[in-house]
Structure formats: C-alpha cells, structure tokens
Amino acid sequence: MVDPSWVDLDPKRFIRTNRTLERYYERAITKERSREQLLKDHVGLERVEPFIVSRFPIVTANARIVPLARIRDFSSMALEVMKAESGNG
C-alpha cells in the first residue's frame, strides 16, 4: 500500500511511483481487453469496457484510469471515453 501523505514531501518519489502505477494500470487494462470476449460470452453482455479506479492519487492522461477522489465523476467520464472511442463524440 502506498502512503499518499508523502506526495508533497517527496515529489521525485511521487513522480516515480506515479509512472510505475500508470504503466501497471495500462497493462492491466490491456490484459482485461484481451479477456473481453470471455466476459461477453460468460456474462452475456454486448459491451465490456475496462476502467481502473486507483486508491492512490495518480496523475495521468489515460481517461480509463480514475483516481478514487474523482469517483463521483466516474459515470460521466466513462460515457465520454466510450463516446470518443466509438467515434460518436
């Protein structure tokens, strides 16, 4: 578990940890995308979209990685991502 209290105290460590977590989360999203058909078949859904909600305060341009502090905005953020990727937004 990462202690977010050191974010202001040690910026270099935060940046290093942020990059590590971002790469880890991006690999997790890729892995889940490879399981998409399995989930569709098993659950019977038409569309499966992977997102990560991070307990750690992460800074990223990847709209699929959402810090827990922004969980209230998750629904609208997810809709924007899905519209953009389907070419409707």
PDB file of N, CA and C in Angstrom:
ATOM      1  N   MET A   1       0.842  -1.185   0.000  1.00  0.00           N
ATOM      2  CA  MET A   1       0.000   0.000   0.000  1.00  0.00           C
ATOM      3  C   MET A   1       0.885   1.245   0.000  1.00  0.00           C
ATOM      4  N   VAL A   2       0.501   2.212  -0.747  1.00  0.00           N
ATOM      5  CA  VAL A   2       1.259   3.448  -0.868  1.00  0.00           C
ATOM      6  C   VAL A   2       0.646   4.491   0.059  1.00  0.00           C
ATOM      7  N   ASP A   3       1.493   5.185   0.809  1.00  0.00           N
ATOM      8  CA  ASP A   3       1.032   6.225   1.718  1.00  0.00           C
ATOM      9  C   ASP A   3       1.023   7.561   0.988  1.00  0.00           C
ATOM     10  N   PRO A   4      -0.176   8.109   0.689  1.00  0.00           N
ATOM     11  CA  PRO A   4      -0.230   9.362  -0.069  1.00  0.00           C
ATOM     12  C   PRO A   4       0.234  10.590   0.702  1.00  0.00           C
ATOM     13  N   SER A   5       0.536  10.470   1.974  1.00  0.00           N
ATOM     14  CA  SER A   5       0.954  11.633   2.758  1.00  0.00           C
ATOM     15  C   SER A   5       2.318  12.171   2.321  1.00  0.00           C
ATOM     16  N   TRP A   6       3.123  11.364   1.633  1.00  0.00           N
ATOM     17  CA  TRP A   6       4.453  11.821   1.221  1.00  0.00           C
ATOM     18  C   TRP A   6       4.463  12.481  -0.151  1.00  0.00           C
ATOM     19  N   VAL A   7       3.309  12.649  -0.784  1.00  0.00           N
ATOM     20  CA  VAL A   7       3.245  13.258  -2.117  1.00  0.00           C
ATOM     21  C   VAL A   7       3.904  14.634  -2.116  1.00  0.00           C
ATOM     22  N   ASP A   8       3.579  15.478  -1.143  1.00  0.00           N
ATOM     23  CA  ASP A   8       4.163  16.823  -1.063  1.00  0.00           C
ATOM     24  C   ASP A   8       5.571  16.806  -0.496  1.00  0.00           C
ATOM     25  N   LEU A   9       5.875  15.822   0.321  1.00  0.00           N
ATOM     26  CA  LEU A   9       7.170  15.770   0.988  1.00  0.00           C
ATOM     27  C   LEU A   9       8.287  15.290   0.073  1.00  0.00           C
ATOM     28  N   ASP A  10       7.972  14.422  -0.877  1.00  0.00           N
ATOM     29  CA  ASP A  10       8.987  13.833  -1.742  1.00  0.00           C
ATOM     30  C   ASP A  10       8.467  13.758  -3.181  1.00  0.00           C
ATOM     31  N   PRO A  11       8.481  14.880  -3.916  1.00  0.00           N
ATOM     32  CA  PRO A  11       7.921  14.912  -5.277  1.00  0.00           C
ATOM     33  C   PRO A  11       8.584  13.929  -6.238  1.00  0.00           C
ATOM     34  N   LYS A  12       9.899  13.729  -6.129  1.00  0.00           N
ATOM     35  CA  LYS A  12      10.583  12.784  -7.039  1.00  0.00           C
ATOM     36  C   LYS A  12      10.051  11.373  -6.836  1.00  0.00           C
ATOM     37  N   ARG A  13       9.836  11.017  -5.608  1.00  0.00           N
ATOM     38  CA  ARG A  13       9.300   9.687  -5.302  1.00  0.00           C
ATOM     39  C   ARG A  13       7.872   9.567  -5.835  1.00  0.00           C
ATOM     40  N   PHE A  14       7.088  10.625  -5.676  1.00  0.00           N
ATOM     41  CA  PHE A  14       5.724  10.609  -6.199  1.00  0.00           C
ATOM     42  C   PHE A  14       5.730  10.410  -7.709  1.00  0.00           C
ATOM     43  N   ILE A  15       6.575  11.143  -8.420  1.00  0.00           N
ATOM     44  CA  ILE A  15       6.638  11.033  -9.876  1.00  0.00           C
ATOM     45  C   ILE A  15       7.034   9.622 -10.295  1.00  0.00           C
ATOM     46  N   ARG A  16       8.034   9.073  -9.638  1.00  0.00           N
ATOM     47  CA  ARG A  16       8.481   7.705  -9.944  1.00  0.00           C
ATOM     48  C   ARG A  16       7.357   6.693  -9.688  1.00  0.00           C
ATOM     49  N   THR A  17       6.711   6.813  -8.549  1.00  0.00           N
ATOM     50  CA  THR A  17       5.624   5.896  -8.210  1.00  0.00           C
ATOM     51  C   THR A  17       4.445   6.089  -9.152  1.00  0.00           C
ATOM     52  N   ASN A  18       4.157   7.326  -9.509  1.00  0.00           N
ATOM     53  CA  ASN A  18       3.062   7.618 -10.430  1.00  0.00           C
ATOM     54  C   ASN A  18       3.296   6.932 -11.778  1.00  0.00           C
ATOM     55  N   ARG A  19       4.515   7.073 -12.303  1.00  0.00           N
ATOM     56  CA  ARG A  19       4.846   6.429 -13.593  1.00  0.00           C
ATOM     57  C   ARG A  19       4.711   4.914 -13.507  1.00  0.00           C
ATOM     58  N   THR A  20       5.194   4.338 -12.412  1.00  0.00           N
ATOM     59  CA  THR A  20       5.118   2.890 -12.220  1.00  0.00           C
ATOM     60  C   THR A  20       3.666   2.433 -12.177  1.00  0.00           C
ATOM     61  N   LEU A  21       2.842   3.125 -11.397  1.00  0.00           N
ATOM     62  CA  LEU A  21       1.430   2.765 -11.303  1.00  0.00           C
ATOM     63  C   LEU A  21       0.711   2.944 -12.634  1.00  0.00           C
ATOM     64  N   GLU A  22       1.027   4.018 -13.341  1.00  0.00           N
ATOM     65  CA  GLU A  22       0.382   4.259 -14.632  1.00  0.00           C
ATOM     66  C   GLU A  22       0.686   3.113 -15.609  1.00  0.00           C
ATOM     67  N   ARG A  23       1.941   2.711 -15.687  1.00  0.00           N
ATOM     68  CA  ARG A  23       2.298   1.583 -16.566  1.00  0.00           C
ATOM     69  C   ARG A  23       1.603   0.299 -16.118  1.00  0.00           C
ATOM     70  N   TYR A  24       1.569   0.052 -14.815  1.00  0.00           N
ATOM     71  CA  TYR A  24       0.914  -1.139 -14.272  1.00  0.00           C
ATOM     72  C   TYR A  24      -0.577  -1.138 -14.631  1.00  0.00           C
ATOM     73  N   TYR A  25      -1.240  -0.006 -14.436  1.00  0.00           N
ATOM     74  CA  TYR A  25      -2.668   0.088 -14.733  1.00  0.00           C
ATOM     75  C   TYR A  25      -2.929  -0.056 -16.225  1.00  0.00           C
ATOM     76  N   GLU A  26      -2.076   0.517 -17.059  1.00  0.00           N
ATOM     77  CA  GLU A  26      -2.259   0.392 -18.508  1.00  0.00           C
ATOM     78  C   GLU A  26      -2.105  -1.060 -18.959  1.00  0.00           C
ATOM     79  N   ARG A  27      -1.150  -1.777 -18.358  1.00  0.00           N
ATOM     80  CA  ARG A  27      -1.012  -3.210 -18.675  1.00  0.00           C
ATOM     81  C   ARG A  27      -2.241  -3.987 -18.215  1.00  0.00           C
ATOM     82  N   ALA A  28      -2.800  -3.621 -17.071  1.00  0.00           N
ATOM     83  CA  ALA A  28      -3.997  -4.293 -16.567  1.00  0.00           C
ATOM     84  C   ALA A  28      -5.183  -4.071 -17.508  1.00  0.00           C
ATOM     85  N   ILE A  29      -5.310  -2.861 -18.034  1.00  0.00           N
ATOM     86  CA  ILE A  29      -6.393  -2.567 -18.985  1.00  0.00           C
ATOM     87  C   ILE A  29      -6.207  -3.397 -20.252  1.00  0.00           C
ATOM     88  N   THR A  30      -4.978  -3.474 -20.749  1.00  0.00           N
ATOM     89  CA  THR A  30      -4.694  -4.289 -21.939  1.00  0.00           C
ATOM     90  C   THR A  30      -5.044  -5.754 -21.686  1.00  0.00           C
ATOM     91  N   LYS A  31      -4.691  -6.248 -20.525  1.00  0.00           N
ATOM     92  CA  LYS A  31      -4.987  -7.641 -20.166  1.00  0.00           C
ATOM     93  C   LYS A  31      -6.496  -7.878 -20.119  1.00  0.00           C
ATOM     94  N   GLU A  32      -7.231  -6.948 -19.547  1.00  0.00           N
ATOM     95  CA  GLU A  32      -8.681  -7.089 -19.482  1.00  0.00           C
ATOM     96  C   GLU A  32      -9.322  -7.018 -20.865  1.00  0.00           C
ATOM     97  N   ARG A  33      -8.755  -6.202 -21.737  1.00  0.00           N
ATOM     98  CA  ARG A  33      -9.279  -6.138 -23.109  1.00  0.00           C
ATOM     99  C   ARG A  33      -9.112  -7.476 -23.822  1.00  0.00           C
ATOM    100  N   SER A  34      -8.036  -8.188 -23.503  1.00  0.00           N
ATOM    101  CA  SER A  34      -7.834  -9.494 -24.120  1.00  0.00           C
ATOM    102  C   SER A  34      -8.830 -10.532 -23.604  1.00  0.00           C
ATOM    103  N   ARG A  35      -9.445 -10.258 -22.473  1.00  0.00           N
ATOM    104  CA  ARG A  35     -10.460 -11.158 -21.900  1.00  0.00           C
ATOM    105  C   ARG A  35     -11.876 -10.728 -22.258  1.00  0.00           C
ATOM    106  N   GLU A  36     -12.003  -9.722 -23.062  1.00  0.00           N
ATOM    107  CA  GLU A  36     -13.308  -9.134 -23.356  1.00  0.00           C
ATOM    108  C   GLU A  36     -14.313 -10.155 -23.872  1.00  0.00           C
ATOM    109  N   GLN A  37     -13.925 -10.968 -24.840  1.00  0.00           N
ATOM    110  CA  GLN A  37     -14.860 -11.932 -25.420  1.00  0.00           C
ATOM    111  C   GLN A  37     -15.288 -12.966 -24.383  1.00  0.00           C
ATOM    112  N   LEU A  38     -14.366 -13.379 -23.533  1.00  0.00           N
ATOM    113  CA  LEU A  38     -14.693 -14.328 -22.463  1.00  0.00           C
ATOM    114  C   LEU A  38     -15.776 -13.748 -21.549  1.00  0.00           C
ATOM    115  N   LEU A  39     -15.620 -12.496 -21.175  1.00  0.00           N
ATOM    116  CA  LEU A  39     -16.616 -11.845 -20.322  1.00  0.00           C
ATOM    117  C   LEU A  39     -17.963 -11.697 -21.036  1.00  0.00           C
ATOM    118  N   LYS A  40     -17.911 -11.316 -22.306  1.00  0.00           N
ATOM    119  CA  LYS A  40     -19.153 -11.169 -23.064  1.00  0.00           C
ATOM    120  C   LYS A  40     -19.904 -12.493 -23.123  1.00  0.00           C
ATOM    121  N   ASP A  41     -19.178 -13.561 -23.412  1.00  0.00           N
ATOM    122  CA  ASP A  41     -19.804 -14.879 -23.512  1.00  0.00           C
ATOM    123  C   ASP A  41     -20.328 -15.362 -22.163  1.00  0.00           C
ATOM    124  N   HIS A  42     -19.550 -15.172 -21.127  1.00  0.00           N
ATOM    125  CA  HIS A  42     -19.907 -15.686 -19.800  1.00  0.00           C
ATOM    126  C   HIS A  42     -21.050 -14.891 -19.162  1.00  0.00           C
ATOM    127  N   VAL A  43     -21.005 -13.590 -19.270  1.00  0.00           N
ATOM    128  CA  VAL A  43     -21.991 -12.734 -18.604  1.00  0.00           C
ATOM    129  C   VAL A  43     -23.163 -12.407 -19.528  1.00  0.00           C
ATOM    130  N   GLY A  44     -22.936 -12.519 -20.821  1.00  0.00           N
ATOM    131  CA  GLY A  44     -23.993 -12.237 -21.777  1.00  0.00           C
ATOM    132  C   GLY A  44     -24.183 -10.757 -22.074  1.00  0.00           C
ATOM    133  N   LEU A  45     -23.114  -9.993 -21.911  1.00  0.00           N
ATOM    134  CA  LEU A  45     -23.182  -8.563 -22.191  1.00  0.00           C
ATOM    135  C   LEU A  45     -22.801  -8.295 -23.636  1.00  0.00           C
ATOM    136  N   GLU A  46     -23.305  -7.196 -24.155  1.00  0.00           N
ATOM    137  CA  GLU A  46     -22.961  -6.803 -25.517  1.00  0.00           C
ATOM    138  C   GLU A  46     -21.640  -6.045 -25.570  1.00  0.00           C
ATOM    139  N   ARG A  47     -21.351  -5.284 -24.496  1.00  0.00           N
ATOM    140  CA  ARG A  47     -20.146  -4.447 -24.471  1.00  0.00           C
ATOM    141  C   ARG A  47     -19.489  -4.515 -23.096  1.00  0.00           C
ATOM    142  N   VAL A  48     -18.184  -4.675 -23.094  1.00  0.00           N
ATOM    143  CA  VAL A  48     -17.411  -4.704 -21.861  1.00  0.00           C
ATOM    144  C   VAL A  48     -16.320  -3.652 -21.981  1.00  0.00           C
ATOM    145  N   GLU A  49     -16.224  -2.763 -20.999  1.00  0.00           N
ATOM    146  CA  GLU A  49     -15.250  -1.676 -21.033  1.00  0.00           C
ATOM    147  C   GLU A  49     -14.411  -1.686 -19.755  1.00  0.00           C
ATOM    148  N   PRO A  50     -13.096  -1.875 -19.862  1.00  0.00           N
ATOM    149  CA  PRO A  50     -12.254  -1.866 -18.658  1.00  0.00           C
ATOM    150  C   PRO A  50     -11.880  -0.455 -18.205  1.00  0.00           C
ATOM    151  N   PHE A  51     -11.983  -0.222 -16.914  1.00  0.00           N
ATOM    152  CA  PHE A  51     -11.558   1.009 -16.265  1.00  0.00           C
ATOM    153  C   PHE A  51     -10.835   0.631 -14.986  1.00  0.00           C
ATOM    154  N   ILE A  52      -9.949   1.487 -14.518  1.00  0.00           N
ATOM    155  CA  ILE A  52      -9.236   1.297 -13.252  1.00  0.00           C
ATOM    156  C   ILE A  52      -9.614   2.449 -12.329  1.00  0.00           C
ATOM    157  N   VAL A  53      -9.969   2.117 -11.088  1.00  0.00           N
ATOM    158  CA  VAL A  53     -10.171   3.130 -10.058  1.00  0.00           C
ATOM    159  C   VAL A  53      -9.020   2.952  -9.072  1.00  0.00           C
ATOM    160  N   SER A  54      -8.170   3.960  -9.001  1.00  0.00           N
ATOM    161  CA  SER A  54      -6.963   3.890  -8.184  1.00  0.00           C
ATOM    162  C   SER A  54      -7.184   4.545  -6.823  1.00  0.00           C
ATOM    163  N   ARG A  55      -6.789   3.851  -5.779  1.00  0.00           N
ATOM    164  CA  ARG A  55      -6.845   4.435  -4.437  1.00  0.00           C
ATOM    165  C   ARG A  55      -5.734   5.455  -4.245  1.00  0.00           C
ATOM    166  N   PHE A  56      -4.701   5.339  -5.058  1.00  0.00           N
ATOM    167  CA  PHE A  56      -3.566   6.258  -4.991  1.00  0.00           C
ATOM    168  C   PHE A  56      -3.862   7.494  -5.835  1.00  0.00           C
ATOM    169  N   PRO A  57      -3.491   8.681  -5.385  1.00  0.00           N
ATOM    170  CA  PRO A  57      -3.725   9.886  -6.197  1.00  0.00           C
ATOM    171  C   PRO A  57      -2.797   9.905  -7.411  1.00  0.00           C
ATOM    172  N   ILE A  58      -3.311   9.491  -8.553  1.00  0.00           N
ATOM    173  CA  ILE A  58      -2.495   9.341  -9.755  1.00  0.00           C
ATOM    174  C   ILE A  58      -2.785  10.477 -10.744  1.00  0.00           C
ATOM    175  N   VAL A  59      -1.741  10.891 -11.452  1.00  0.00           N
ATOM    176  CA  VAL A  59      -1.853  11.910 -12.495  1.00  0.00           C
ATOM    177  C   VAL A  59      -1.574  11.206 -13.817  1.00  0.00           C
ATOM    178  N   THR A  60      -2.562  11.207 -14.712  1.00  0.00           N
ATOM    179  CA  THR A  60      -2.414  10.502 -15.982  1.00  0.00           C
ATOM    180  C   THR A  60      -3.311  11.126 -17.040  1.00  0.00           C
ATOM    181  N   ALA A  61      -2.913  10.964 -18.287  1.00  0.00           N
ATOM    182  CA  ALA A  61      -3.742  11.424 -19.408  1.00  0.00           C
ATOM    183  C   ALA A  61      -4.702  10.323 -19.851  1.00  0.00           C
ATOM    184  N   ASN A  62      -4.525   9.118 -19.325  1.00  0.00           N
ATOM    185  CA  ASN A  62      -5.375   7.995 -19.697  1.00  0.00           C
ATOM    186  C   ASN A  62      -6.722   8.133 -18.992  1.00  0.00           C
ATOM    187  N   ALA A  63      -7.776   8.353 -19.774  1.00  0.00           N
ATOM    188  CA  ALA A  63      -9.110   8.579 -19.212  1.00  0.00           C
ATOM    189  C   ALA A  63      -9.706   7.324 -18.579  1.00  0.00           C
ATOM    190  N   ARG A  64      -9.116   6.172 -18.820  1.00  0.00           N
ATOM    191  CA  ARG A  64      -9.606   4.928 -18.230  1.00  0.00           C
ATOM    192  C   ARG A  64      -9.051   4.673 -16.830  1.00  0.00           C
ATOM    193  N   ILE A  65      -8.138   5.518 -16.395  1.00  0.00           N
ATOM    194  CA  ILE A  65      -7.567   5.407 -15.051  1.00  0.00           C
ATOM    195  C   ILE A  65      -8.103   6.576 -14.228  1.00  0.00           C
ATOM    196  N   VAL A  66      -8.895   6.261 -13.224  1.00  0.00           N
ATOM    197  CA  VAL A  66      -9.591   7.286 -12.450  1.00  0.00           C
ATOM    198  C   VAL A  66      -9.138   7.218 -10.990  1.00  0.00           C
ATOM    199  N   PRO A  67      -8.665   8.320 -10.436  1.00  0.00           N
ATOM    200  CA  PRO A  67      -8.333   8.307  -9.008  1.00  0.00           C
ATOM    201  C   PRO A  67      -9.616   8.248  -8.174  1.00  0.00           C
ATOM    202  N   LEU A  68      -9.543   7.594  -7.044  1.00  0.00           N
ATOM    203  CA  LEU A  68     -10.703   7.429  -6.179  1.00  0.00           C
ATOM    204  C   LEU A  68     -11.328   8.771  -5.800  1.00  0.00           C
ATOM    205  N   ALA A  69     -10.517   9.799  -5.692  1.00  0.00           N
ATOM    206  CA  ALA A  69     -11.030  11.123  -5.340  1.00  0.00           C
ATOM    207  C   ALA A  69     -12.018  11.653  -6.379  1.00  0.00           C
ATOM    208  N   ARG A  70     -11.987  11.108  -7.601  1.00  0.00           N
ATOM    209  CA  ARG A  70     -12.894  11.566  -8.666  1.00  0.00           C
ATOM    210  C   ARG A  70     -13.981  10.543  -8.969  1.00  0.00           C
ATOM    211  N   ILE A  71     -14.262   9.659  -8.020  1.00  0.00           N
ATOM    212  CA  ILE A  71     -15.235   8.595  -8.255  1.00  0.00           C
ATOM    213  C   ILE A  71     -16.639   9.147  -8.540  1.00  0.00           C
ATOM    214  N   ARG A  72     -16.957  10.296  -8.000  1.00  0.00           N
ATOM    215  CA  ARG A  72     -18.278  10.898  -8.257  1.00  0.00           C
ATOM    216  C   ARG A  72     -18.438  11.278  -9.726  1.00  0.00           C
ATOM    217  N   ASP A  73     -17.338  11.551 -10.390  1.00  0.00           N
ATOM    218  CA  ASP A  73     -17.363  11.921 -11.815  1.00  0.00           C
ATOM    219  C   ASP A  73     -17.229  10.708 -12.736  1.00  0.00           C
ATOM    220  N   PHE A  74     -17.109   9.522 -12.162  1.00  0.00           N
ATOM    221  CA  PHE A  74     -16.790   8.337 -12.949  1.00  0.00           C
ATOM    222  C   PHE A  74     -17.803   8.078 -14.062  1.00  0.00           C
ATOM    223  N   SER A  75     -19.070   8.151 -13.757  1.00  0.00           N
ATOM    224  CA  SER A  75     -20.098   7.844 -14.748  1.00  0.00           C
ATOM    225  C   SER A  75     -19.985   8.743 -15.977  1.00  0.00           C
ATOM    226  N   SER A  76     -19.878  10.041 -15.750  1.00  0.00           N
ATOM    227  CA  SER A  76     -19.776  10.959 -16.895  1.00  0.00           C
ATOM    228  C   SER A  76     -18.456  10.783 -17.631  1.00  0.00           C
ATOM    229  N   MET A  77     -17.377  10.508 -16.896  1.00  0.00           N
ATOM    230  CA  MET A  77     -16.077  10.286 -17.535  1.00  0.00           C
ATOM    231  C   MET A  77     -16.114   9.028 -18.397  1.00  0.00           C
ATOM    232  N   ALA A  78     -16.732   7.970 -17.892  1.00  0.00           N
ATOM    233  CA  ALA A  78     -16.825   6.715 -18.639  1.00  0.00           C
ATOM    234  C   ALA A  78     -17.636   6.904 -19.915  1.00  0.00           C
ATOM    235  N   LEU A  79     -18.731   7.632 -19.826  1.00  0.00           N
ATOM    236  CA  LEU A  79     -19.535   7.890 -21.020  1.00  0.00           C
ATOM    237  C   LEU A  79     -18.747   8.669 -22.065  1.00  0.00           C
ATOM    238  N   GLU A  80     -17.974   9.653 -21.640  1.00  0.00           N
ATOM    239  CA  GLU A  80     -17.152  10.436 -22.573  1.00  0.00           C
ATOM    240  C   GLU A  80     -16.121   9.551 -23.272  1.00  0.00           C
ATOM    241  N   VAL A  81     -15.473   8.666 -22.512  1.00  0.00           N
ATOM    242  CA  VAL A  81     -14.468   7.771 -23.091  1.00  0.00           C
ATOM    243  C   VAL A  81     -15.118   6.846 -24.117  1.00  0.00           C
ATOM    244  N   MET A  82     -16.240   6.273 -23.773  1.00  0.00           N
ATOM    245  CA  MET A  82     -16.892   5.332 -24.690  1.00  0.00           C
ATOM    246  C   MET A  82     -17.404   6.033 -25.941  1.00  0.00           C
ATOM    247  N   LYS A  83     -17.909   7.257 -25.810  1.00  0.00           N
ATOM    248  CA  LYS A  83     -18.344   8.015 -26.992  1.00  0.00           C
ATOM    249  C   LYS A  83     -17.162   8.343 -27.891  1.00  0.00           C
ATOM    250  N   ALA A  84     -16.065   8.767 -27.297  1.00  0.00           N
ATOM    251  CA  ALA A  84     -14.869   9.131 -28.075  1.00  0.00           C
ATOM    252  C   ALA A  84     -14.308   7.927 -28.819  1.00  0.00           C
ATOM    253  N   GLU A  85     -14.322   6.781 -28.181  1.00  0.00           N
ATOM    254  CA  GLU A  85     -13.745   5.591 -28.821  1.00  0.00           C
ATOM    255  C   GLU A  85     -14.670   4.987 -29.864  1.00  0.00           C
ATOM    256  N   SER A  86     -15.956   5.252 -29.757  1.00  0.00           N
ATOM    257  CA  SER A  86     -16.871   4.711 -30.767  1.00  0.00           C
ATOM    258  C   SER A  86     -17.036   5.668 -31.957  1.00  0.00           C
ATOM    259  N   GLY A  87     -16.423   6.864 -31.840  1.00  0.00           N
ATOM    260  CA  GLY A  87     -16.464   7.829 -32.943  1.00  0.00           C
ATOM    261  C   GLY A  87     -17.699   8.708 -32.939  1.00  0.00           C
ATOM    262  N   ASN A  88     -18.457   8.678 -31.848  1.00  0.00           N
ATOM    263  CA  ASN A  88     -19.695   9.467 -31.766  1.00  0.00           C
ATOM    264  C   ASN A  88     -19.495  10.773 -30.998  1.00  0.00           C
ATOM    265  N   GLY A  89     -18.278  11.063 -30.540  1.00  0.00           N
ATOM    266  CA  GLY A  89     -18.129  12.242 -29.704  1.00  0.00           C
ATOM    267  C   GLY A  89     -17.134  13.152 -30.155  1.00  0.00           C
TER     268      GLY A  89
END
